[in-house]
Every structure is written in C-alpha cells, then in structure tokens.
Amino acid sequence: MYPLLHIIAGLPFEPQRLYVLLQAFVRNSAELNAQDWQGGTLLDVLVQKDTYLTLEVWHWLLENGAQVTLSLMEGNPSAYELLAESHPLD
C-alpha cells in the first residue's frame, strides 16, 4: 500500500504544480511522514525518483515536519547536499 502523497510524488508533475498539490494535501491533513509498505517516506520517494524541486520546496517540506530518515541518508550523497542547501545550520 502506498500513501497518497507517495503516489502524487511519483507522477510526472512540473515542480511548481507538485508543490501546490503537496501544500493542498498537507493543509487538509495529509501526513508528510506516512510510510509505505517498505517504510519509505515522502522524502525517500522524492530522492529515489531524483525529483527536481526548488530549495524553497525542500525547505517547506522540512519546516512542515517531513522527517529525514536514516534510509534516506544512506547511499544518497545528493540528500546531504539538498538538506544542507535547503536547511542550513546557523
């Protein structure tokens, strides 16, 4: 079983349209950290599919509670870069 946000993230939407859809679903109580049958989260899906999103969108996801998981970070050097750029440490 796949959470709705995972299905949406897997469809070929333009980045801005995907952002608008994610915002709408989160406003209506969609769970950013819902897990699929393998334990993957929305962030896992976005990174695995190499989804292009602006830094603004990555920042929004993190600010709205999207959790960074160990499985996301393992073997995904691009995830480190995205997180560093979108959520810098001060």
PDB file of N, CA and C in Angstrom:
ATOM      1  N   MET A   1       0.841  -1.175   0.000  1.00  0.00           N
ATOM      2  CA  MET A   1       0.000   0.000   0.000  1.00  0.00           C
ATOM      3  C   MET A   1       0.892   1.246   0.000  1.00  0.00           C
ATOM      4  N   TYR A   2       0.479   2.221  -0.765  1.00  0.00           N
ATOM      5  CA  TYR A   2       1.242   3.457  -0.845  1.00  0.00           C
ATOM      6  C   TYR A   2       0.388   4.637  -0.383  1.00  0.00           C
ATOM      7  N   PRO A   3       0.939   5.506   0.462  1.00  0.00           N
ATOM      8  CA  PRO A   3       0.216   6.715   0.859  1.00  0.00           C
ATOM      9  C   PRO A   3      -0.012   7.618  -0.356  1.00  0.00           C
ATOM     10  N   LEU A   4      -1.074   8.381  -0.311  1.00  0.00           N
ATOM     11  CA  LEU A   4      -1.446   9.242  -1.433  1.00  0.00           C
ATOM     12  C   LEU A   4      -0.315  10.190  -1.842  1.00  0.00           C
ATOM     13  N   LEU A   5       0.379  10.780  -0.881  1.00  0.00           N
ATOM     14  CA  LEU A   5       1.461  11.710  -1.232  1.00  0.00           C
ATOM     15  C   LEU A   5       2.575  11.001  -1.996  1.00  0.00           C
ATOM     16  N   HIS A   6       2.806   9.732  -1.715  1.00  0.00           N
ATOM     17  CA  HIS A   6       3.833   8.974  -2.439  1.00  0.00           C
ATOM     18  C   HIS A   6       3.411   8.781  -3.893  1.00  0.00           C
ATOM     19  N   ILE A   7       2.146   8.496  -4.093  1.00  0.00           N
ATOM     20  CA  ILE A   7       1.631   8.305  -5.449  1.00  0.00           C
ATOM     21  C   ILE A   7       1.749   9.604  -6.238  1.00  0.00           C
ATOM     22  N   ILE A   8       1.357  10.705  -5.606  1.00  0.00           N
ATOM     23  CA  ILE A   8       1.442  12.012  -6.269  1.00  0.00           C
ATOM     24  C   ILE A   8       2.890  12.346  -6.606  1.00  0.00           C
ATOM     25  N   ALA A   9       3.797  12.073  -5.683  1.00  0.00           N
ATOM     26  CA  ALA A   9       5.221  12.369  -5.899  1.00  0.00           C
ATOM     27  C   ALA A   9       5.792  11.558  -7.061  1.00  0.00           C
ATOM     28  N   GLY A  10       5.201  10.418  -7.353  1.00  0.00           N
ATOM     29  CA  GLY A  10       5.684   9.571  -8.434  1.00  0.00           C
ATOM     30  C   GLY A  10       5.137   9.936  -9.804  1.00  0.00           C
ATOM     31  N   LEU A  11       4.175  10.855  -9.847  1.00  0.00           N
ATOM     32  CA  LEU A  11       3.589  11.258 -11.127  1.00  0.00           C
ATOM     33  C   LEU A  11       4.418  12.376 -11.757  1.00  0.00           C
ATOM     34  N   PRO A  12       4.363  12.491 -13.084  1.00  0.00           N
ATOM     35  CA  PRO A  12       5.223  13.465 -13.776  1.00  0.00           C
ATOM     36  C   PRO A  12       4.678  14.900 -13.759  1.00  0.00           C
ATOM     37  N   PHE A  13       4.554  15.474 -12.575  1.00  0.00           N
ATOM     38  CA  PHE A  13       4.115  16.861 -12.462  1.00  0.00           C
ATOM     39  C   PHE A  13       5.301  17.798 -12.596  1.00  0.00           C
ATOM     40  N   GLU A  14       5.042  18.988 -13.094  1.00  0.00           N
ATOM     41  CA  GLU A  14       6.067  20.034 -13.070  1.00  0.00           C
ATOM     42  C   GLU A  14       6.318  20.381 -11.608  1.00  0.00           C
ATOM     43  N   PRO A  15       7.539  20.805 -11.259  1.00  0.00           N
ATOM     44  CA  PRO A  15       7.873  21.066  -9.850  1.00  0.00           C
ATOM     45  C   PRO A  15       6.904  22.005  -9.135  1.00  0.00           C
ATOM     46  N   GLN A  16       6.518  23.088  -9.787  1.00  0.00           N
ATOM     47  CA  GLN A  16       5.621  24.045  -9.121  1.00  0.00           C
ATOM     48  C   GLN A  16       4.242  23.440  -8.884  1.00  0.00           C
ATOM     49  N   ARG A  17       3.758  22.663  -9.826  1.00  0.00           N
ATOM     50  CA  ARG A  17       2.452  22.015  -9.675  1.00  0.00           C
ATOM     51  C   ARG A  17       2.497  20.982  -8.538  1.00  0.00           C
ATOM     52  N   LEU A  18       3.590  20.237  -8.461  1.00  0.00           N
ATOM     53  CA  LEU A  18       3.749  19.264  -7.380  1.00  0.00           C
ATOM     54  C   LEU A  18       3.750  19.979  -6.036  1.00  0.00           C
ATOM     55  N   TYR A  19       4.439  21.093  -5.951  1.00  0.00           N
ATOM     56  CA  TYR A  19       4.494  21.883  -4.717  1.00  0.00           C
ATOM     57  C   TYR A  19       3.095  22.320  -4.296  1.00  0.00           C
ATOM     58  N   VAL A  20       2.312  22.833  -5.230  1.00  0.00           N
ATOM     59  CA  VAL A  20       0.952  23.286  -4.935  1.00  0.00           C
ATOM     60  C   VAL A  20       0.100  22.112  -4.450  1.00  0.00           C
ATOM     61  N   LEU A  21       0.241  20.959  -5.102  1.00  0.00           N
ATOM     62  CA  LEU A  21      -0.519  19.778  -4.682  1.00  0.00           C
ATOM     63  C   LEU A  21      -0.116  19.330  -3.276  1.00  0.00           C
ATOM     64  N   LEU A  22       1.179  19.281  -3.015  1.00  0.00           N
ATOM     65  CA  LEU A  22       1.643  18.881  -1.687  1.00  0.00           C
ATOM     66  C   LEU A  22       1.107  19.827  -0.616  1.00  0.00           C
ATOM     67  N   GLN A  23       1.158  21.130  -0.892  1.00  0.00           N
ATOM     68  CA  GLN A  23       0.648  22.115   0.065  1.00  0.00           C
ATOM     69  C   GLN A  23      -0.841  21.891   0.331  1.00  0.00           C
ATOM     70  N   ALA A  24      -1.602  21.656  -0.723  1.00  0.00           N
ATOM     71  CA  ALA A  24      -3.048  21.458  -0.570  1.00  0.00           C
ATOM     72  C   ALA A  24      -3.340  20.221   0.278  1.00  0.00           C
ATOM     73  N   PHE A  25      -2.645  19.131   0.007  1.00  0.00           N
ATOM     74  CA  PHE A  25      -2.890  17.914   0.768  1.00  0.00           C
ATOM     75  C   PHE A  25      -2.455  18.055   2.220  1.00  0.00           C
ATOM     76  N   VAL A  26      -1.343  18.723   2.463  1.00  0.00           N
ATOM     77  CA  VAL A  26      -0.877  18.912   3.842  1.00  0.00           C
ATOM     78  C   VAL A  26      -1.844  19.822   4.605  1.00  0.00           C
ATOM     79  N   ARG A  27      -2.359  20.853   3.935  1.00  0.00           N
ATOM     80  CA  ARG A  27      -3.365  21.713   4.575  1.00  0.00           C
ATOM     81  C   ARG A  27      -4.599  20.917   4.978  1.00  0.00           C
ATOM     82  N   ASN A  28      -4.858  19.856   4.248  1.00  0.00           N
ATOM     83  CA  ASN A  28      -6.031  19.015   4.518  1.00  0.00           C
ATOM     84  C   ASN A  28      -5.659  17.735   5.258  1.00  0.00           C
ATOM     85  N   SER A  29      -4.597  17.825   6.053  1.00  0.00           N
ATOM     86  CA  SER A  29      -4.191  16.778   7.000  1.00  0.00           C
ATOM     87  C   SER A  29      -3.494  15.560   6.410  1.00  0.00           C
ATOM     88  N   ALA A  30      -2.957  15.649   5.218  1.00  0.00           N
ATOM     89  CA  ALA A  30      -2.145  14.545   4.711  1.00  0.00           C
ATOM     90  C   ALA A  30      -0.876  14.457   5.557  1.00  0.00           C
ATOM     91  N   GLU A  31      -0.417  13.263   5.803  1.00  0.00           N
ATOM     92  CA  GLU A  31       0.744  13.027   6.665  1.00  0.00           C
ATOM     93  C   GLU A  31       2.017  12.976   5.835  1.00  0.00           C
ATOM     94  N   LEU A  32       2.890  13.961   6.027  1.00  0.00           N
ATOM     95  CA  LEU A  32       4.151  14.008   5.284  1.00  0.00           C
ATOM     96  C   LEU A  32       5.043  12.807   5.572  1.00  0.00           C
ATOM     97  N   ASN A  33       4.912  12.240   6.750  1.00  0.00           N
ATOM     98  CA  ASN A  33       5.794  11.147   7.149  1.00  0.00           C
ATOM     99  C   ASN A  33       5.139   9.776   7.092  1.00  0.00           C
ATOM    100  N   ALA A  34       4.030   9.684   6.388  1.00  0.00           N
ATOM    101  CA  ALA A  34       3.397   8.374   6.214  1.00  0.00           C
ATOM    102  C   ALA A  34       4.384   7.454   5.514  1.00  0.00           C
ATOM    103  N   GLN A  35       4.367   6.187   5.909  1.00  0.00           N
ATOM    104  CA  GLN A  35       5.318   5.228   5.352  1.00  0.00           C
ATOM    105  C   GLN A  35       4.614   4.229   4.435  1.00  0.00           C
ATOM    106  N   ASP A  36       5.328   3.853   3.388  1.00  0.00           N
ATOM    107  CA  ASP A  36       4.814   2.810   2.511  1.00  0.00           C
ATOM    108  C   ASP A  36       5.126   1.450   3.128  1.00  0.00           C
ATOM    109  N   TRP A  37       4.811   0.396   2.431  1.00  0.00           N
ATOM    110  CA  TRP A  37       4.988  -0.964   2.972  1.00  0.00           C
ATOM    111  C   TRP A  37       6.445  -1.312   3.241  1.00  0.00           C
ATOM    112  N   GLN A  38       7.374  -0.528   2.666  1.00  0.00           N
ATOM    113  CA  GLN A  38       8.800  -0.762   2.916  1.00  0.00           C
ATOM    114  C   GLN A  38       9.366   0.200   3.964  1.00  0.00           C
ATOM    115  N   GLY A  39       8.525   1.059   4.493  1.00  0.00           N
ATOM    116  CA  GLY A  39       8.972   2.022   5.495  1.00  0.00           C
ATOM    117  C   GLY A  39       9.469   3.328   4.914  1.00  0.00           C
ATOM    118  N   GLY A  40       9.329   3.512   3.606  1.00  0.00           N
ATOM    119  CA  GLY A  40       9.778   4.747   2.959  1.00  0.00           C
ATOM    120  C   GLY A  40       8.820   5.900   3.193  1.00  0.00           C
ATOM    121  N   THR A  41       9.371   7.091   3.303  1.00  0.00           N
ATOM    122  CA  THR A  41       8.575   8.297   3.498  1.00  0.00           C
ATOM    123  C   THR A  41       8.537   9.097   2.197  1.00  0.00           C
ATOM    124  N   LEU A  42       7.798  10.188   2.212  1.00  0.00           N
ATOM    125  CA  LEU A  42       7.711  11.057   1.037  1.00  0.00           C
ATOM    126  C   LEU A  42       9.096  11.536   0.611  1.00  0.00           C
ATOM    127  N   LEU A  43       9.925  11.946   1.576  1.00  0.00           N
ATOM    128  CA  LEU A  43      11.268  12.396   1.218  1.00  0.00           C
ATOM    129  C   LEU A  43      12.055  11.277   0.535  1.00  0.00           C
ATOM    130  N   ASP A  44      11.893  10.048   1.023  1.00  0.00           N
ATOM    131  CA  ASP A  44      12.554   8.909   0.376  1.00  0.00           C
ATOM    132  C   ASP A  44      12.125   8.799  -1.083  1.00  0.00           C
ATOM    133  N   VAL A  45      10.830   8.911  -1.326  1.00  0.00           N
ATOM    134  CA  VAL A  45      10.306   8.804  -2.691  1.00  0.00           C
ATOM    135  C   VAL A  45      10.871   9.917  -3.575  1.00  0.00           C
ATOM    136  N   LEU A  46      10.867  11.139  -3.063  1.00  0.00           N
ATOM    137  CA  LEU A  46      11.361  12.275  -3.852  1.00  0.00           C
ATOM    138  C   LEU A  46      12.836  12.112  -4.206  1.00  0.00           C
ATOM    139  N   VAL A  47      13.639  11.646  -3.259  1.00  0.00           N
ATOM    140  CA  VAL A  47      15.069  11.467  -3.520  1.00  0.00           C
ATOM    141  C   VAL A  47      15.300  10.274  -4.439  1.00  0.00           C
ATOM    142  N   GLN A  48      14.605   9.167  -4.208  1.00  0.00           N
ATOM    143  CA  GLN A  48      14.774   7.982  -5.052  1.00  0.00           C
ATOM    144  C   GLN A  48      14.412   8.264  -6.497  1.00  0.00           C
ATOM    145  N   LYS A  49      13.382   9.066  -6.703  1.00  0.00           N
ATOM    146  CA  LYS A  49      12.948   9.382  -8.065  1.00  0.00           C
ATOM    147  C   LYS A  49      13.729  10.556  -8.642  1.00  0.00           C
ATOM    148  N   ASP A  50      14.684  11.070  -7.868  1.00  0.00           N
ATOM    149  CA  ASP A  50      15.501  12.204  -8.292  1.00  0.00           C
ATOM    150  C   ASP A  50      14.610  13.366  -8.748  1.00  0.00           C
ATOM    151  N   THR A  51      13.584  13.629  -7.948  1.00  0.00           N
ATOM    152  CA  THR A  51      12.605  14.667  -8.261  1.00  0.00           C
ATOM    153  C   THR A  51      13.247  16.036  -8.109  1.00  0.00           C
ATOM    154  N   TYR A  52      13.119  16.839  -9.161  1.00  0.00           N
ATOM    155  CA  TYR A  52      13.645  18.198  -9.073  1.00  0.00           C
ATOM    156  C   TYR A  52      12.628  19.069  -8.350  1.00  0.00           C
ATOM    157  N   LEU A  53      13.048  19.643  -7.246  1.00  0.00           N
ATOM    158  CA  LEU A  53      12.257  20.627  -6.520  1.00  0.00           C
ATOM    159  C   LEU A  53      13.180  21.769  -6.145  1.00  0.00           C
ATOM    160  N   THR A  54      12.627  22.945  -6.081  1.00  0.00           N
ATOM    161  CA  THR A  54      13.448  24.099  -5.711  1.00  0.00           C
ATOM    162  C   THR A  54      13.833  23.996  -4.235  1.00  0.00           C
ATOM    163  N   LEU A  55      14.823  24.766  -3.846  1.00  0.00           N
ATOM    164  CA  LEU A  55      15.224  24.795  -2.438  1.00  0.00           C
ATOM    165  C   LEU A  55      14.071  25.263  -1.561  1.00  0.00           C
ATOM    166  N   GLU A  56      13.244  26.158  -2.105  1.00  0.00           N
ATOM    167  CA  GLU A  56      12.073  26.631  -1.361  1.00  0.00           C
ATOM    168  C   GLU A  56      11.156  25.467  -0.985  1.00  0.00           C
ATOM    169  N   VAL A  57      10.948  24.530  -1.908  1.00  0.00           N
ATOM    170  CA  VAL A  57      10.066  23.397  -1.649  1.00  0.00           C
ATOM    171  C   VAL A  57      10.690  22.450  -0.619  1.00  0.00           C
ATOM    172  N   TRP A  58      11.986  22.153  -0.772  1.00  0.00           N
ATOM    173  CA  TRP A  58      12.659  21.292   0.209  1.00  0.00           C
ATOM    174  C   TRP A  58      12.585  21.929   1.591  1.00  0.00           C
ATOM    175  N   HIS A  59      12.810  23.224   1.641  1.00  0.00           N
ATOM    176  CA  HIS A  59      12.736  23.939   2.919  1.00  0.00           C
ATOM    177  C   HIS A  59      11.321  23.835   3.493  1.00  0.00           C
ATOM    178  N   TRP A  60      10.304  24.034   2.660  1.00  0.00           N
ATOM    179  CA  TRP A  60       8.915  23.942   3.103  1.00  0.00           C
ATOM    180  C   TRP A  60       8.617  22.555   3.660  1.00  0.00           C
ATOM    181  N   LEU A  61       9.072  21.518   2.976  1.00  0.00           N
ATOM    182  CA  LEU A  61       8.850  20.148   3.451  1.00  0.00           C
ATOM    183  C   LEU A  61       9.433  19.952   4.850  1.00  0.00           C
ATOM    184  N   LEU A  62      10.665  20.401   5.035  1.00  0.00           N
ATOM    185  CA  LEU A  62      11.320  20.248   6.336  1.00  0.00           C
ATOM    186  C   LEU A  62      10.641  21.088   7.411  1.00  0.00           C
ATOM    187  N   GLU A  63      10.282  22.312   7.070  1.00  0.00           N
ATOM    188  CA  GLU A  63       9.621  23.192   8.033  1.00  0.00           C
ATOM    189  C   GLU A  63       8.249  22.663   8.430  1.00  0.00           C
ATOM    190  N   ASN A  64       7.638  21.883   7.563  1.00  0.00           N
ATOM    191  CA  ASN A  64       6.317  21.329   7.850  1.00  0.00           C
ATOM    192  C   ASN A  64       6.377  19.919   8.420  1.00  0.00           C
ATOM    193  N   GLY A  65       7.561  19.514   8.848  1.00  0.00           N
ATOM    194  CA  GLY A  65       7.679  18.293   9.612  1.00  0.00           C
ATOM    195  C   GLY A  65       8.137  17.051   8.875  1.00  0.00           C
ATOM    196  N   ALA A  66       8.485  17.168   7.597  1.00  0.00           N
ATOM    197  CA  ALA A  66       8.997  15.993   6.889  1.00  0.00           C
ATOM    198  C   ALA A  66      10.270  15.534   7.594  1.00  0.00           C
ATOM    199  N   GLN A  67      10.309  14.268   7.945  1.00  0.00           N
ATOM    200  CA  GLN A  67      11.433  13.750   8.720  1.00  0.00           C
ATOM    201  C   GLN A  67      12.492  13.128   7.822  1.00  0.00           C
ATOM    202  N   VAL A  68      13.722  13.416   8.158  1.00  0.00           N
ATOM    203  CA  VAL A  68      14.854  12.825   7.468  1.00  0.00           C
ATOM    204  C   VAL A  68      15.139  11.495   8.144  1.00  0.00           C
ATOM    205  N   THR A  69      15.118  10.431   7.373  1.00  0.00           N
ATOM    206  CA  THR A  69      15.326   9.089   7.930  1.00  0.00           C
ATOM    207  C   THR A  69      16.726   8.590   7.605  1.00  0.00           C
ATOM    208  N   LEU A  70      17.161   7.625   8.363  1.00  0.00           N
ATOM    209  CA  LEU A  70      18.459   7.013   8.110  1.00  0.00           C
ATOM    210  C   LEU A  70      18.498   6.387   6.715  1.00  0.00           C
ATOM    211  N   SER A  71      17.396   5.747   6.319  1.00  0.00           N
ATOM    212  CA  SER A  71      17.368   5.120   4.997  1.00  0.00           C
ATOM    213  C   SER A  71      17.510   6.156   3.886  1.00  0.00           C
ATOM    214  N   LEU A  72      17.022   7.363   4.124  1.00  0.00           N
ATOM    215  CA  LEU A  72      17.160   8.432   3.134  1.00  0.00           C
ATOM    216  C   LEU A  72      18.622   8.829   2.971  1.00  0.00           C
ATOM    217  N   MET A  73      19.325   8.911   4.078  1.00  0.00           N
ATOM    218  CA  MET A  73      20.695   9.403   4.044  1.00  0.00           C
ATOM    219  C   MET A  73      21.695   8.350   3.570  1.00  0.00           C
ATOM    220  N   GLU A  74      21.410   7.075   3.817  1.00  0.00           N
ATOM    221  CA  GLU A  74      22.334   6.015   3.433  1.00  0.00           C
ATOM    222  C   GLU A  74      22.417   5.898   1.916  1.00  0.00           C
ATOM    223  N   GLY A  75      23.587   6.099   1.400  1.00  0.00           N
ATOM    224  CA  GLY A  75      23.808   5.922  -0.032  1.00  0.00           C
ATOM    225  C   GLY A  75      23.239   7.015  -0.901  1.00  0.00           C
ATOM    226  N   ASN A  76      22.863   8.138  -0.314  1.00  0.00           N
ATOM    227  CA  ASN A  76      22.319   9.255  -1.091  1.00  0.00           C
ATOM    228  C   ASN A  76      23.092  10.532  -0.816  1.00  0.00           C
ATOM    229  N   PRO A  77      24.274  10.661  -1.394  1.00  0.00           N
ATOM    230  CA  PRO A  77      25.037  11.885  -1.134  1.00  0.00           C
ATOM    231  C   PRO A  77      24.285  13.136  -1.565  1.00  0.00           C
ATOM    232  N   SER A  78      23.416  13.010  -2.566  1.00  0.00           N
ATOM    233  CA  SER A  78      22.649  14.174  -3.001  1.00  0.00           C
ATOM    234  C   SER A  78      21.686  14.631  -1.908  1.00  0.00           C
ATOM    235  N   ALA A  79      21.234  13.715  -1.057  1.00  0.00           N
ATOM    236  CA  ALA A  79      20.345  14.088   0.039  1.00  0.00           C
ATOM    237  C   ALA A  79      21.063  15.015   1.013  1.00  0.00           C
ATOM    238  N   TYR A  80      22.336  14.740   1.276  1.00  0.00           N
ATOM    239  CA  TYR A  80      23.113  15.621   2.149  1.00  0.00           C
ATOM    240  C   TYR A  80      23.187  17.025   1.561  1.00  0.00           C
ATOM    241  N   GLU A  81      23.453  17.100   0.272  1.00  0.00           N
ATOM    242  CA  GLU A  81      23.553  18.401  -0.390  1.00  0.00           C
ATOM    243  C   GLU A  81      22.236  19.148  -0.321  1.00  0.00           C
ATOM    244  N   LEU A  82      21.132  18.460  -0.635  1.00  0.00           N
ATOM    245  CA  LEU A  82      19.823  19.097  -0.598  1.00  0.00           C
ATOM    246  C   LEU A  82      19.505  19.620   0.792  1.00  0.00           C
ATOM    247  N   LEU A  83      19.765  18.809   1.794  1.00  0.00           N
ATOM    248  CA  LEU A  83      19.460  19.227   3.152  1.00  0.00           C
ATOM    249  C   LEU A  83      20.329  20.395   3.580  1.00  0.00           C
ATOM    250  N   ALA A  84      21.583  20.350   3.237  1.00  0.00           N
ATOM    251  CA  ALA A  84      22.490  21.432   3.611  1.00  0.00           C
ATOM    252  C   ALA A  84      22.087  22.744   2.951  1.00  0.00           C
ATOM    253  N   GLU A  85      21.667  22.664   1.697  1.00  0.00           N
ATOM    254  CA  GLU A  85      21.290  23.879   0.970  1.00  0.00           C
ATOM    255  C   GLU A  85      19.936  24.411   1.412  1.00  0.00           C
ATOM    256  N   SER A  86      18.990  23.525   1.698  1.00  0.00           N
ATOM    257  CA  SER A  86      17.639  23.969   1.995  1.00  0.00           C
ATOM    258  C   SER A  86      17.404  24.249   3.472  1.00  0.00           C
ATOM    259  N   HIS A  87      18.268  23.721   4.319  1.00  0.00           N
ATOM    260  CA  HIS A  87      18.079  23.875   5.761  1.00  0.00           C
ATOM    261  C   HIS A  87      19.441  24.093   6.425  1.00  0.00           C
ATOM    262  N   PRO A  88      20.093  25.219   6.088  1.00  0.00           N
ATOM    263  CA  PRO A  88      21.449  25.436   6.607  1.00  0.00           C
ATOM    264  C   PRO A  88      21.481  25.604   8.121  1.00  0.00           C
ATOM    265  N   LEU A  89      22.566  25.152   8.696  1.00  0.00           N
ATOM    266  CA  LEU A  89      22.788  25.352  10.128  1.00  0.00           C
ATOM    267  C   LEU A  89      23.380  26.724  10.336  1.00  0.00           C
ATOM    268  N   ASP A  90      22.866  27.443  11.300  1.00  0.00           N
ATOM    269  CA  ASP A  90      23.391  28.784  11.577  1.00  0.00           C
ATOM    270  C   ASP A  90      24.422  28.745  12.665  1.00  0.00           C
TER     271      ASP A  90
END
